[in-house]
Amino acid sequence: MNENKEQSAGNLQRSIQQEQDHRDAAAIGKRDSKAPLPTGSRSQPAPPLPAQHLDKPGIEAQMQLKPRFLAPDYCGSGKLTGMVAIITGGDSGIGRAVAVLYAREGADVAIIYLNEHADANETRRYVEAEGQSCLLIPGDVREQGFCRQAVREVMERYTHIDILVNNAAFKEHAESLLDLSEERFDLTMKTNVYGYFHMTKAVLPHLQRGAAIINTGSVTGLHGSKYLLDYSTTKGAIHAFTMALAGNLLEKGIRVNAIAPGPVWTPLNPADKTAEEIRTFGADTDMRRPAQPEELSPAYVFLASPACSSYITGIVLPVTGSVGT
């Protein structure tokens, strides 16, 4: 009796094994495919991407493959009605996508940018098409005086500020730490960290209970990147700044959060990578492609809106295209 049961169990195991072997053989070709993995209602561009290198700071209008920022499937519902948002680096890339969705949700937008005037005017055109006003303020966020003046201009125009998105950044790769001069390290640090510090300090006296600060971090601030030594350092600092400031401002009713994007198709990246390297940009994510800015911007709406995230502060939200972070 027991021998028959053992034989039956063995037959069952072999039968299951053969079925799985058959499935495995059929799946080999699918597993080896490098095609992007669809996860949304629209297909998005995937490698190979156009081989193009941009001069810094990177002009979106010059990109052969234009980033997608309009989020046509996103319907506004008044989550930010009556609010005023400042977005640094809002002329292109993630900043532009955020500006458009903030306007779609009912916010007026002030965009701070370095000198990419054509891109900034294009962003203003799309914000105004959503029925909101857009103030453009060119300047360098490394300068504390400029940040204070920019905030004064926003207050003169709108009389209040409800949202600050710190997003401006400088990025340039290096093969070795020995290639990083102190001047270059200072530029990265002062743009990416001091710029956030100066803007937050300038805006803070004008923020009321219910306001939100959102910082753009990076997956490189979570895991590091061996060829982005200074950039990764600043992004890790931004994550720590976010969590520390969240605790500091909690009693004032001001929420502070960060978003840590993975690879995103913006001018920042072809202005850093060589034309050949940019062809495979984002291919090493689990989704096998970079994000488009319109795939990041809804997260910025979520963290800005008290209706969505009033119980959330001090988090770093990864949006990386890979499982986990």
C-alpha atoms as a PDB file:
ATOM      1  CA  MET A   1       0.000   0.000   0.000  1.00  0.00           C
ATOM      2  CA  ASN A   2       2.742   2.463   1.029  1.00  0.00           C
ATOM      3  CA  GLU A   3       4.819   1.508  -2.027  1.00  0.00           C
ATOM      4  CA  ASN A   4       1.880   2.312  -4.300  1.00  0.00           C
ATOM      5  CA  LYS A   5       1.397   5.697  -2.602  1.00  0.00           C
ATOM      6  CA  GLU A   6       5.100   6.517  -2.981  1.00  0.00           C
ATOM      7  CA  GLN A   7       5.018   5.543  -6.649  1.00  0.00           C
ATOM      8  CA  SER A   8       1.910   7.662  -7.176  1.00  0.00           C
ATOM      9  CA  ALA A   9       3.500  10.655  -5.456  1.00  0.00           C
ATOM     10  CA  GLY A  10       6.651  10.257  -7.561  1.00  0.00           C
ATOM     11  CA  ASN A  11       4.577  10.115 -10.754  1.00  0.00           C
ATOM     12  CA  LEU A  12       2.732  13.276  -9.697  1.00  0.00           C
ATOM     13  CA  GLN A  13       6.001  15.112  -9.011  1.00  0.00           C
ATOM     14  CA  ARG A  14       7.438  14.089 -12.401  1.00  0.00           C
ATOM     15  CA  SER A  15       4.233  15.118 -14.143  1.00  0.00           C
ATOM     16  CA  ILE A  16       4.359  18.572 -12.542  1.00  0.00           C
ATOM     17  CA  GLN A  17       8.080  18.817 -13.376  1.00  0.00           C
ATOM     18  CA  GLN A  18       7.467  17.969 -17.048  1.00  0.00           C
ATOM     19  CA  GLU A  19       4.698  20.547 -17.278  1.00  0.00           C
ATOM     20  CA  GLN A  20       6.978  23.218 -15.801  1.00  0.00           C
ATOM     21  CA  ASP A  21       9.896  22.187 -18.049  1.00  0.00           C
ATOM     22  CA  HIS A  22       7.615  22.670 -21.034  1.00  0.00           C
ATOM     23  CA  ARG A  23       6.570  26.135 -19.819  1.00  0.00           C
ATOM     24  CA  ASP A  24      10.197  27.088 -19.120  1.00  0.00           C
ATOM     25  CA  ALA A  25      11.264  26.104 -22.627  1.00  0.00           C
ATOM     26  CA  ALA A  26       8.474  28.187 -24.135  1.00  0.00           C
ATOM     27  CA  ALA A  27       9.361  31.196 -21.960  1.00  0.00           C
ATOM     28  CA  ILE A  28      13.093  31.345 -22.726  1.00  0.00           C
ATOM     29  CA  GLY A  29      12.635  33.596 -25.731  1.00  0.00           C
ATOM     30  CA  LYS A  30      10.340  35.945 -23.825  1.00  0.00           C
ATOM     31  CA  ARG A  31      12.749  36.236 -20.885  1.00  0.00           C
ATOM     32  CA  ASP A  32      15.674  37.085 -23.156  1.00  0.00           C
ATOM     33  CA  SER A  33      13.732  39.838 -24.904  1.00  0.00           C
ATOM     34  CA  LYS A  34      14.957  43.359 -24.172  1.00  0.00           C
ATOM     35  CA  ALA A  35      11.676  44.943 -25.168  1.00  0.00           C
ATOM     36  CA  PRO A  36      10.220  47.427 -22.646  1.00  0.00           C
ATOM     37  CA  LEU A  37       7.597  46.095 -20.288  1.00  0.00           C
ATOM     38  CA  PRO A  38       4.262  47.910 -20.738  1.00  0.00           C
ATOM     39  CA  THR A  39       2.743  49.014 -17.421  1.00  0.00           C
ATOM     40  CA  GLY A  40       0.408  51.829 -18.434  1.00  0.00           C
ATOM     41  CA  SER A  41      -2.305  52.682 -20.912  1.00  0.00           C
ATOM     42  CA  ARG A  42       0.197  54.240 -23.345  1.00  0.00           C
ATOM     43  CA  SER A  43       3.443  52.864 -24.699  1.00  0.00           C
ATOM     44  CA  GLN A  44       6.453  55.072 -23.941  1.00  0.00           C
ATOM     45  CA  PRO A  45       9.726  55.533 -25.861  1.00  0.00           C
ATOM     46  CA  ALA A  46      12.383  52.943 -25.093  1.00  0.00           C
ATOM     47  CA  PRO A  47      16.000  52.266 -26.088  1.00  0.00           C
ATOM     48  CA  PRO A  48      17.560  52.612 -28.528  1.00  0.00           C
ATOM     49  CA  LEU A  49      17.074  56.359 -28.059  1.00  0.00           C
ATOM     50  CA  PRO A  50      18.404  59.060 -30.396  1.00  0.00           C
ATOM     51  CA  ALA A  51      22.163  59.444 -30.148  1.00  0.00           C
ATOM     52  CA  GLN A  52      22.415  63.096 -29.154  1.00  0.00           C
ATOM     53  CA  HIS A  53      24.618  65.168 -26.847  1.00  0.00           C
ATOM     54  CA  LEU A  54      23.421  68.597 -25.690  1.00  0.00           C
ATOM     55  CA  ASP A  55      25.403  71.572 -24.496  1.00  0.00           C
ATOM     56  CA  LYS A  56      24.673  72.496 -20.878  1.00  0.00           C
ATOM     57  CA  PRO A  57      22.378  73.506 -19.302  1.00  0.00           C
ATOM     58  CA  GLY A  58      20.397  71.500 -21.902  1.00  0.00           C
ATOM     59  CA  ILE A  59      17.558  72.891 -23.993  1.00  0.00           C
ATOM     60  CA  GLU A  60      14.448  70.741 -24.315  1.00  0.00           C
ATOM     61  CA  ALA A  61      13.549  72.390 -27.612  1.00  0.00           C
ATOM     62  CA  GLN A  62      16.786  70.999 -29.091  1.00  0.00           C
ATOM     63  CA  MET A  63      16.081  67.370 -28.183  1.00  0.00           C
ATOM     64  CA  GLN A  64      15.423  65.105 -31.158  1.00  0.00           C
ATOM     65  CA  LEU A  65      13.040  62.980 -29.091  1.00  0.00           C
ATOM     66  CA  LYS A  66      10.884  65.427 -27.159  1.00  0.00           C
ATOM     67  CA  PRO A  67      10.058  64.453 -23.557  1.00  0.00           C
ATOM     68  CA  ARG A  68       6.405  63.721 -22.872  1.00  0.00           C
ATOM     69  CA  PHE A  69       4.990  66.062 -20.260  1.00  0.00           C
ATOM     70  CA  LEU A  70       1.324  66.658 -21.070  1.00  0.00           C
ATOM     71  CA  ALA A  71      -0.086  63.558 -19.304  1.00  0.00           C
ATOM     72  CA  PRO A  72      -3.178  63.421 -21.558  1.00  0.00           C
ATOM     73  CA  ASP A  73      -4.798  60.685 -19.451  1.00  0.00           C
ATOM     74  CA  TYR A  74      -4.584  62.787 -16.278  1.00  0.00           C
ATOM     75  CA  CYS A  75      -7.818  64.624 -15.441  1.00  0.00           C
ATOM     76  CA  GLY A  76      -7.622  67.522 -12.998  1.00  0.00           C
ATOM     77  CA  SER A  77     -10.084  67.676 -10.118  1.00  0.00           C
ATOM     78  CA  GLY A  78      -9.260  70.940  -8.336  1.00  0.00           C
ATOM     79  CA  LYS A  79      -6.773  69.434  -5.871  1.00  0.00           C
ATOM     80  CA  LEU A  80      -4.698  72.656  -5.871  1.00  0.00           C
ATOM     81  CA  THR A  81      -7.400  75.247  -6.572  1.00  0.00           C
ATOM     82  CA  GLY A  82      -6.390  78.735  -5.451  1.00  0.00           C
ATOM     83  CA  MET A  83      -2.827  77.752  -4.603  1.00  0.00           C
ATOM     84  CA  VAL A  84       0.451  79.272  -5.793  1.00  0.00           C
ATOM     85  CA  ALA A  85       3.467  77.069  -6.522  1.00  0.00           C
ATOM     86  CA  ILE A  86       7.122  77.931  -7.080  1.00  0.00           C
ATOM     87  CA  ILE A  87       9.050  75.394  -9.167  1.00  0.00           C
ATOM     88  CA  THR A  88      12.802  75.728  -9.597  1.00  0.00           C
ATOM     89  CA  GLY A  89      14.095  74.237 -12.820  1.00  0.00           C
ATOM     90  CA  GLY A  90      10.524  74.509 -14.057  1.00  0.00           C
ATOM     91  CA  ASP A  91      11.366  75.413 -17.644  1.00  0.00           C
ATOM     92  CA  SER A  92      11.810  71.823 -18.866  1.00  0.00           C
ATOM     93  CA  GLY A  93      11.895  68.155 -17.937  1.00  0.00           C
ATOM     94  CA  ILE A  94      10.249  67.152 -14.678  1.00  0.00           C
ATOM     95  CA  GLY A  95       9.717  70.781 -13.705  1.00  0.00           C
ATOM     96  CA  ARG A  96       7.708  71.506 -16.839  1.00  0.00           C
ATOM     97  CA  ALA A  97       5.553  68.408 -16.378  1.00  0.00           C
ATOM     98  CA  VAL A  98       4.858  69.384 -12.764  1.00  0.00           C
ATOM     99  CA  ALA A  99       3.979  72.958 -13.770  1.00  0.00           C
ATOM    100  CA  VAL A 100       1.420  71.703 -16.298  1.00  0.00           C
ATOM    101  CA  LEU A 101      -0.299  69.346 -13.853  1.00  0.00           C
ATOM    102  CA  TYR A 102      -0.284  71.915 -11.057  1.00  0.00           C
ATOM    103  CA  ALA A 103      -2.056  74.300 -13.419  1.00  0.00           C
ATOM    104  CA  ARG A 104      -4.484  71.561 -14.423  1.00  0.00           C
ATOM    105  CA  GLU A 105      -5.276  71.159 -10.728  1.00  0.00           C
ATOM    106  CA  GLY A 106      -5.964  74.892 -10.339  1.00  0.00           C
ATOM    107  CA  ALA A 107      -2.666  76.408  -9.154  1.00  0.00           C
ATOM    108  CA  ASP A 108      -0.862  79.455 -10.485  1.00  0.00           C
ATOM    109  CA  VAL A 109       2.805  78.733 -11.105  1.00  0.00           C
ATOM    110  CA  ALA A 110       6.046  80.692 -10.764  1.00  0.00           C
ATOM    111  CA  ILE A 111       8.948  79.125 -12.636  1.00  0.00           C
ATOM    112  CA  ILE A 112      12.543  79.802 -11.654  1.00  0.00           C
ATOM    113  CA  TYR A 113      15.127  78.825 -14.240  1.00  0.00           C
ATOM    114  CA  LEU A 114      18.712  79.664 -15.170  1.00  0.00           C
ATOM    115  CA  ASN A 115      18.675  81.075 -18.710  1.00  0.00           C
ATOM    116  CA  GLU A 116      16.726  78.662 -20.945  1.00  0.00           C
ATOM    117  CA  HIS A 117      14.291  81.368 -22.074  1.00  0.00           C
ATOM    118  CA  ALA A 118      12.781  79.513 -25.033  1.00  0.00           C
ATOM    119  CA  ASP A 119      11.976  76.475 -22.902  1.00  0.00           C
ATOM    120  CA  ALA A 120      10.558  78.643 -20.116  1.00  0.00           C
ATOM    121  CA  ASN A 121       8.264  80.522 -22.477  1.00  0.00           C
ATOM    122  CA  GLU A 122       7.041  77.240 -23.918  1.00  0.00           C
ATOM    123  CA  THR A 123       6.228  75.998 -20.412  1.00  0.00           C
ATOM    124  CA  ARG A 124       4.352  79.224 -19.693  1.00  0.00           C
ATOM    125  CA  ARG A 125       2.320  78.696 -22.854  1.00  0.00           C
ATOM    126  CA  TYR A 126       1.206  75.257 -21.673  1.00  0.00           C
ATOM    127  CA  VAL A 127       0.438  76.476 -18.129  1.00  0.00           C
ATOM    128  CA  GLU A 128      -1.704  79.282 -19.515  1.00  0.00           C
ATOM    129  CA  ALA A 129      -3.455  76.793 -21.805  1.00  0.00           C
ATOM    130  CA  GLU A 130      -4.613  75.063 -18.598  1.00  0.00           C
ATOM    131  CA  GLY A 131      -6.272  78.343 -17.551  1.00  0.00           C
ATOM    132  CA  GLN A 132      -3.723  79.481 -14.950  1.00  0.00           C
ATOM    133  CA  SER A 133      -1.106  82.226 -14.820  1.00  0.00           C
ATOM    134  CA  CYS A 134       2.641  81.646 -15.019  1.00  0.00           C
ATOM    135  CA  LEU A 135       5.414  83.949 -13.794  1.00  0.00           C
ATOM    136  CA  LEU A 136       8.912  83.432 -15.228  1.00  0.00           C
ATOM    137  CA  ILE A 137      11.936  84.413 -13.129  1.00  0.00           C
ATOM    138  CA  PRO A 138      15.408  83.730 -14.583  1.00  0.00           C
ATOM    139  CA  GLY A 139      18.399  83.516 -12.254  1.00  0.00           C
ATOM    140  CA  ASP A 140      20.858  81.345 -10.358  1.00  0.00           C
ATOM    141  CA  VAL A 141      19.586  79.537  -7.240  1.00  0.00           C
ATOM    142  CA  ARG A 142      23.164  79.330  -5.955  1.00  0.00           C
ATOM    143  CA  GLU A 143      22.806  82.992  -5.026  1.00  0.00           C
ATOM    144  CA  GLN A 144      20.931  83.650  -1.797  1.00  0.00           C
ATOM    145  CA  GLY A 145      20.131  87.214  -2.857  1.00  0.00           C
ATOM    146  CA  PHE A 146      18.520  86.041  -6.074  1.00  0.00           C
ATOM    147  CA  CYS A 147      16.344  83.522  -4.229  1.00  0.00           C
ATOM    148  CA  ARG A 148      15.101  86.210  -1.863  1.00  0.00           C
ATOM    149  CA  GLN A 149      14.338  88.549  -4.770  1.00  0.00           C
ATOM    150  CA  ALA A 150      12.513  85.799  -6.658  1.00  0.00           C
ATOM    151  CA  VAL A 151      10.276  85.128  -3.666  1.00  0.00           C
ATOM    152  CA  ARG A 152       9.562  88.854  -3.348  1.00  0.00           C
ATOM    153  CA  GLU A 153       8.458  88.907  -6.992  1.00  0.00           C
ATOM    154  CA  VAL A 154       6.128  85.957  -6.430  1.00  0.00           C
ATOM    155  CA  MET A 155       4.602  87.610  -3.359  1.00  0.00           C
ATOM    156  CA  GLU A 156       4.102  90.893  -5.225  1.00  0.00           C
ATOM    157  CA  ARG A 157       2.304  89.061  -8.020  1.00  0.00           C
ATOM    158  CA  TYR A 158       0.227  86.539  -6.059  1.00  0.00           C
ATOM    159  CA  THR A 159       0.363  87.670  -2.360  1.00  0.00           C
ATOM    160  CA  HIS A 160       0.798  84.103  -1.069  1.00  0.00           C
ATOM    161  CA  ILE A 161       2.834  80.930  -1.640  1.00  0.00           C
ATOM    162  CA  ASP A 162       1.518  77.440  -0.894  1.00  0.00           C
ATOM    163  CA  ILE A 163       3.925  75.015  -2.585  1.00  0.00           C
ATOM    164  CA  LEU A 164       7.679  75.011  -3.169  1.00  0.00           C
ATOM    165  CA  VAL A 165       9.177  72.437  -5.531  1.00  0.00           C
ATOM    166  CA  ASN A 166      12.978  72.406  -5.336  1.00  0.00           C
ATOM    167  CA  ASN A 167      14.003  70.805  -8.603  1.00  0.00           C
ATOM    168  CA  ALA A 168      16.907  72.700 -10.240  1.00  0.00           C
ATOM    169  CA  ALA A 169      20.038  70.573 -10.624  1.00  0.00           C
ATOM    170  CA  PHE A 170      23.492  70.302 -12.163  1.00  0.00           C
ATOM    171  CA  LYS A 171      24.898  66.913 -13.177  1.00  0.00           C
ATOM    172  CA  GLU A 172      28.121  65.911 -14.931  1.00  0.00           C
ATOM    173  CA  HIS A 173      29.722  62.467 -14.884  1.00  0.00           C
ATOM    174  CA  ALA A 174      33.332  61.719 -13.938  1.00  0.00           C
ATOM    175  CA  GLU A 175      35.343  58.532 -14.329  1.00  0.00           C
ATOM    176  CA  SER A 176      37.331  59.131 -11.136  1.00  0.00           C
ATOM    177  CA  LEU A 177      37.224  61.174  -7.960  1.00  0.00           C
ATOM    178  CA  LEU A 178      40.553  62.590  -9.123  1.00  0.00           C
ATOM    179  CA  ASP A 179      38.742  64.220 -12.052  1.00  0.00           C
ATOM    180  CA  LEU A 180      36.589  66.294  -9.693  1.00  0.00           C
ATOM    181  CA  SER A 181      38.074  69.716  -9.036  1.00  0.00           C
ATOM    182  CA  GLU A 182      36.970  71.698  -6.005  1.00  0.00           C
ATOM    183  CA  GLU A 183      35.399  74.231  -8.378  1.00  0.00           C
ATOM    184  CA  ARG A 184      33.306  71.534 -10.022  1.00  0.00           C
ATOM    185  CA  PHE A 185      32.325  69.969  -6.694  1.00  0.00           C
ATOM    186  CA  ASP A 186      31.277  73.417  -5.445  1.00  0.00           C
ATOM    187  CA  LEU A 187      29.120  74.004  -8.531  1.00  0.00           C
ATOM    188  CA  THR A 188      27.255  70.731  -8.017  1.00  0.00           C
ATOM    189  CA  MET A 189      26.901  71.209  -4.276  1.00  0.00           C
ATOM    190  CA  LYS A 190      25.811  74.851  -4.471  1.00  0.00           C
ATOM    191  CA  THR A 191      23.274  74.249  -7.235  1.00  0.00           C
ATOM    192  CA  ASN A 192      21.756  71.051  -5.870  1.00  0.00           C
ATOM    193  CA  VAL A 193      21.989  71.590  -2.103  1.00  0.00           C
ATOM    194  CA  TYR A 194      22.562  75.295  -1.451  1.00  0.00           C
ATOM    195  CA  GLY A 195      19.906  76.108  -4.046  1.00  0.00           C
ATOM    196  CA  TYR A 196      17.348  74.058  -2.109  1.00  0.00           C
ATOM    197  CA  PHE A 197      18.500  75.622   1.156  1.00  0.00           C
ATOM    198  CA  HIS A 198      18.340  79.208  -0.167  1.00  0.00           C
ATOM    199  CA  MET A 199      14.910  78.773  -1.772  1.00  0.00           C
ATOM    200  CA  THR A 200      13.406  77.055   1.254  1.00  0.00           C
ATOM    201  CA  LYS A 201      14.765  79.702   3.617  1.00  0.00           C
ATOM    202  CA  ALA A 202      13.436  82.509   1.395  1.00  0.00           C
ATOM    203  CA  VAL A 203       9.972  80.963   1.068  1.00  0.00           C
ATOM    204  CA  LEU A 204       9.515  79.742   4.632  1.00  0.00           C
ATOM    205  CA  PRO A 205       8.311  83.044   6.217  1.00  0.00           C
ATOM    206  CA  HIS A 206       5.452  83.107   3.707  1.00  0.00           C
ATOM    207  CA  LEU A 207       4.218  79.526   4.117  1.00  0.00           C
ATOM    208  CA  GLN A 208       1.088  78.884   6.159  1.00  0.00           C
ATOM    209  CA  ARG A 209      -0.298  75.739   7.762  1.00  0.00           C
ATOM    210  CA  GLY A 210      -1.168  73.262   5.009  1.00  0.00           C
ATOM    211  CA  ALA A 211       1.728  74.310   2.748  1.00  0.00           C
ATOM    212  CA  ALA A 212       4.025  71.755   1.158  1.00  0.00           C
ATOM    213  CA  ILE A 213       7.684  71.585   0.182  1.00  0.00           C
ATOM    214  CA  ILE A 214       8.692  68.907  -2.320  1.00  0.00           C
ATOM    215  CA  ASN A 215      12.329  68.196  -3.110  1.00  0.00           C
ATOM    216  CA  THR A 216      13.547  66.307  -6.156  1.00  0.00           C
ATOM    217  CA  GLY A 217      16.021  63.681  -5.003  1.00  0.00           C
ATOM    218  CA  SER A 218      17.269  60.753  -7.061  1.00  0.00           C
ATOM    219  CA  VAL A 219      17.764  57.016  -7.080  1.00  0.00           C
ATOM    220  CA  THR A 220      21.475  57.918  -7.034  1.00  0.00           C
ATOM    221  CA  GLY A 221      20.894  59.358  -3.564  1.00  0.00           C
ATOM    222  CA  LEU A 222      19.568  55.965  -2.472  1.00  0.00           C
ATOM    223  CA  HIS A 223      22.155  53.676  -4.077  1.00  0.00           C
ATOM    224  CA  GLY A 224      24.938  55.946  -5.320  1.00  0.00           C
ATOM    225  CA  SER A 225      26.338  56.002  -8.841  1.00  0.00           C
ATOM    226  CA  LYS A 226      30.014  55.333  -9.430  1.00  0.00           C
ATOM    227  CA  TYR A 227      30.333  57.890 -12.228  1.00  0.00           C
ATOM    228  CA  LEU A 228      28.158  60.536 -10.537  1.00  0.00           C
ATOM    229  CA  LEU A 229      30.118  60.959  -7.327  1.00  0.00           C
ATOM    230  CA  ASP A 230      29.293  64.591  -6.585  1.00  0.00           C
ATOM    231  CA  TYR A 231      25.725  64.406  -7.916  1.00  0.00           C
ATOM    232  CA  SER A 232      24.945  61.302  -5.832  1.00  0.00           C
ATOM    233  CA  THR A 233      26.385  63.037  -2.783  1.00  0.00           C
ATOM    234  CA  THR A 234      24.062  66.008  -3.228  1.00  0.00           C
ATOM    235  CA  LYS A 235      21.018  63.827  -3.745  1.00  0.00           C
ATOM    236  CA  GLY A 236      21.729  61.875  -0.577  1.00  0.00           C
ATOM    237  CA  ALA A 237      22.037  65.211   1.214  1.00  0.00           C
ATOM    238  CA  ILE A 238      18.683  66.301  -0.222  1.00  0.00           C
ATOM    239  CA  HIS A 239      17.015  63.168   1.145  1.00  0.00           C
ATOM    240  CA  ALA A 240      18.460  63.824   4.616  1.00  0.00           C
ATOM    241  CA  PHE A 241      17.527  67.529   4.387  1.00  0.00           C
ATOM    242  CA  THR A 242      13.970  66.498   3.526  1.00  0.00           C
ATOM    243  CA  MET A 243      13.571  64.220   6.532  1.00  0.00           C
ATOM    244  CA  ALA A 244      15.222  66.655   8.948  1.00  0.00           C
ATOM    245  CA  LEU A 245      13.222  69.639   7.714  1.00  0.00           C
ATOM    246  CA  ALA A 246       9.985  67.631   7.890  1.00  0.00           C
ATOM    247  CA  GLY A 247      10.496  67.129  11.600  1.00  0.00           C
ATOM    248  CA  ASN A 248      11.522  70.751  12.067  1.00  0.00           C
ATOM    249  CA  LEU A 249       8.401  72.156  10.381  1.00  0.00           C
ATOM    250  CA  LEU A 250       5.827  69.649  11.546  1.00  0.00           C
ATOM    251  CA  GLU A 251       4.489  71.838  14.361  1.00  0.00           C
ATOM    252  CA  LYS A 252       3.955  74.637  11.834  1.00  0.00           C
ATOM    253  CA  GLY A 253       1.719  72.332   9.797  1.00  0.00           C
ATOM    254  CA  ILE A 254       4.065  72.381   6.794  1.00  0.00           C
ATOM    255  CA  ARG A 255       4.775  69.040   5.126  1.00  0.00           C
ATOM    256  CA  VAL A 256       8.154  68.271   3.510  1.00  0.00           C
ATOM    257  CA  ASN A 257       8.680  65.295   1.211  1.00  0.00           C
ATOM    258  CA  ALA A 258      10.967  64.215  -1.613  1.00  0.00           C
ATOM    259  CA  ILE A 259      10.665  62.201  -4.795  1.00  0.00           C
ATOM    260  CA  ALA A 260      13.582  60.036  -5.922  1.00  0.00           C
ATOM    261  CA  PRO A 261      13.280  59.466  -9.673  1.00  0.00           C
ATOM    262  CA  GLY A 262      15.154  56.828 -11.571  1.00  0.00           C
ATOM    263  CA  PRO A 263      16.267  57.640 -15.131  1.00  0.00           C
ATOM    264  CA  VAL A 264      13.953  60.249 -16.690  1.00  0.00           C
ATOM    265  CA  TRP A 265      14.038  61.493 -20.284  1.00  0.00           C
ATOM    266  CA  THR A 266      14.878  65.179 -19.769  1.00  0.00           C
ATOM    267  CA  PRO A 267      17.547  67.574 -21.139  1.00  0.00           C
ATOM    268  CA  LEU A 268      19.660  66.929 -18.023  1.00  0.00           C
ATOM    269  CA  ASN A 269      20.719  63.510 -19.301  1.00  0.00           C
ATOM    270  CA  PRO A 270      21.776  64.080 -22.933  1.00  0.00           C
ATOM    271  CA  ALA A 271      23.605  67.126 -21.530  1.00  0.00           C
ATOM    272  CA  ASP A 272      25.593  64.710 -19.322  1.00  0.00           C
ATOM    273  CA  LYS A 273      26.028  61.495 -21.313  1.00  0.00           C
ATOM    274  CA  THR A 274      27.763  61.015 -24.651  1.00  0.00           C
ATOM    275  CA  ALA A 275      25.615  60.563 -27.749  1.00  0.00           C
ATOM    276  CA  GLU A 276      26.394  56.838 -27.819  1.00  0.00           C
ATOM    277  CA  GLU A 277      25.702  56.313 -24.106  1.00  0.00           C
ATOM    278  CA  ILE A 278      22.338  58.042 -24.264  1.00  0.00           C
ATOM    279  CA  ARG A 279      21.060  55.427 -26.734  1.00  0.00           C
ATOM    280  CA  THR A 280      20.710  52.884 -23.919  1.00  0.00           C
ATOM    281  CA  PHE A 281      19.618  55.336 -21.214  1.00  0.00           C
ATOM    282  CA  GLY A 282      17.192  53.647 -18.810  1.00  0.00           C
ATOM    283  CA  ALA A 283      17.622  50.182 -20.326  1.00  0.00           C
ATOM    284  CA  ASP A 284      19.022  48.781 -17.067  1.00  0.00           C
ATOM    285  CA  THR A 285      15.812  49.405 -15.121  1.00  0.00           C
ATOM    286  CA  ASP A 286      13.403  46.523 -14.603  1.00  0.00           C
ATOM    287  CA  MET A 287      11.023  48.251 -17.036  1.00  0.00           C
ATOM    288  CA  ARG A 288      13.904  48.491 -19.581  1.00  0.00           C
ATOM    289  CA  ARG A 289      13.326  52.160 -20.413  1.00  0.00           C
ATOM    290  CA  PRO A 290      13.545  55.628 -18.876  1.00  0.00           C
ATOM    291  CA  ALA A 291      10.503  57.371 -17.432  1.00  0.00           C
ATOM    292  CA  GLN A 292       8.862  60.234 -19.239  1.00  0.00           C
ATOM    293  CA  PRO A 293       8.323  63.406 -17.151  1.00  0.00           C
ATOM    294  CA  GLU A 294       4.549  62.897 -17.309  1.00  0.00           C
ATOM    295  CA  GLU A 295       5.025  59.660 -15.345  1.00  0.00           C
ATOM    296  CA  LEU A 296       6.620  61.592 -12.452  1.00  0.00           C
ATOM    297  CA  SER A 297       4.391  64.664 -12.241  1.00  0.00           C
ATOM    298  CA  PRO A 298       1.317  62.977 -10.680  1.00  0.00           C
ATOM    299  CA  ALA A 299       3.478  62.078  -7.670  1.00  0.00           C
ATOM    300  CA  TYR A 300       4.268  65.771  -7.205  1.00  0.00           C
ATOM    301  CA  VAL A 301       0.537  66.548  -7.280  1.00  0.00           C
ATOM    302  CA  PHE A 302      -0.088  63.829  -4.693  1.00  0.00           C
ATOM    303  CA  LEU A 303       2.515  65.219  -2.270  1.00  0.00           C
ATOM    304  CA  ALA A 304       1.438  68.838  -2.823  1.00  0.00           C
ATOM    305  CA  SER A 305      -2.277  68.344  -2.243  1.00  0.00           C
ATOM    306  CA  PRO A 306      -3.550  68.317   1.363  1.00  0.00           C
ATOM    307  CA  ALA A 307      -6.531  66.349   0.076  1.00  0.00           C
ATOM    308  CA  CYS A 308      -4.173  63.512  -0.906  1.00  0.00           C
ATOM    309  CA  SER A 309      -1.260  63.532   1.520  1.00  0.00           C
ATOM    310  CA  SER A 310      -2.111  65.481   4.674  1.00  0.00           C
ATOM    311  CA  TYR A 311      -0.841  62.527   6.768  1.00  0.00           C
ATOM    312  CA  ILE A 312       2.480  62.169   4.928  1.00  0.00           C
ATOM    313  CA  THR A 313       5.692  64.033   5.709  1.00  0.00           C
ATOM    314  CA  GLY A 314       9.396  63.242   5.708  1.00  0.00           C
ATOM    315  CA  ILE A 315       9.278  60.504   3.080  1.00  0.00           C
ATOM    316  CA  VAL A 316      11.470  59.905   0.036  1.00  0.00           C
ATOM    317  CA  LEU A 317       9.192  58.388  -2.595  1.00  0.00           C
ATOM    318  CA  PRO A 318      11.094  56.274  -5.149  1.00  0.00           C
ATOM    319  CA  VAL A 319       9.754  56.390  -8.725  1.00  0.00           C
ATOM    320  CA  THR A 320      12.458  54.342 -10.369  1.00  0.00           C
ATOM    321  CA  GLY A 321      11.044  51.920 -12.944  1.00  0.00           C
ATOM    322  CA  SER A 322      12.431  49.010 -10.939  1.00  0.00           C
ATOM    323  CA  VAL A 323      11.000  46.648  -8.356  1.00  0.00           C
ATOM    324  CA  GLY A 324      11.304  48.190  -4.888  1.00  0.00           C
ATOM    325  CA  THR A 325      13.811  51.044  -5.069  1.00  0.00           C
END
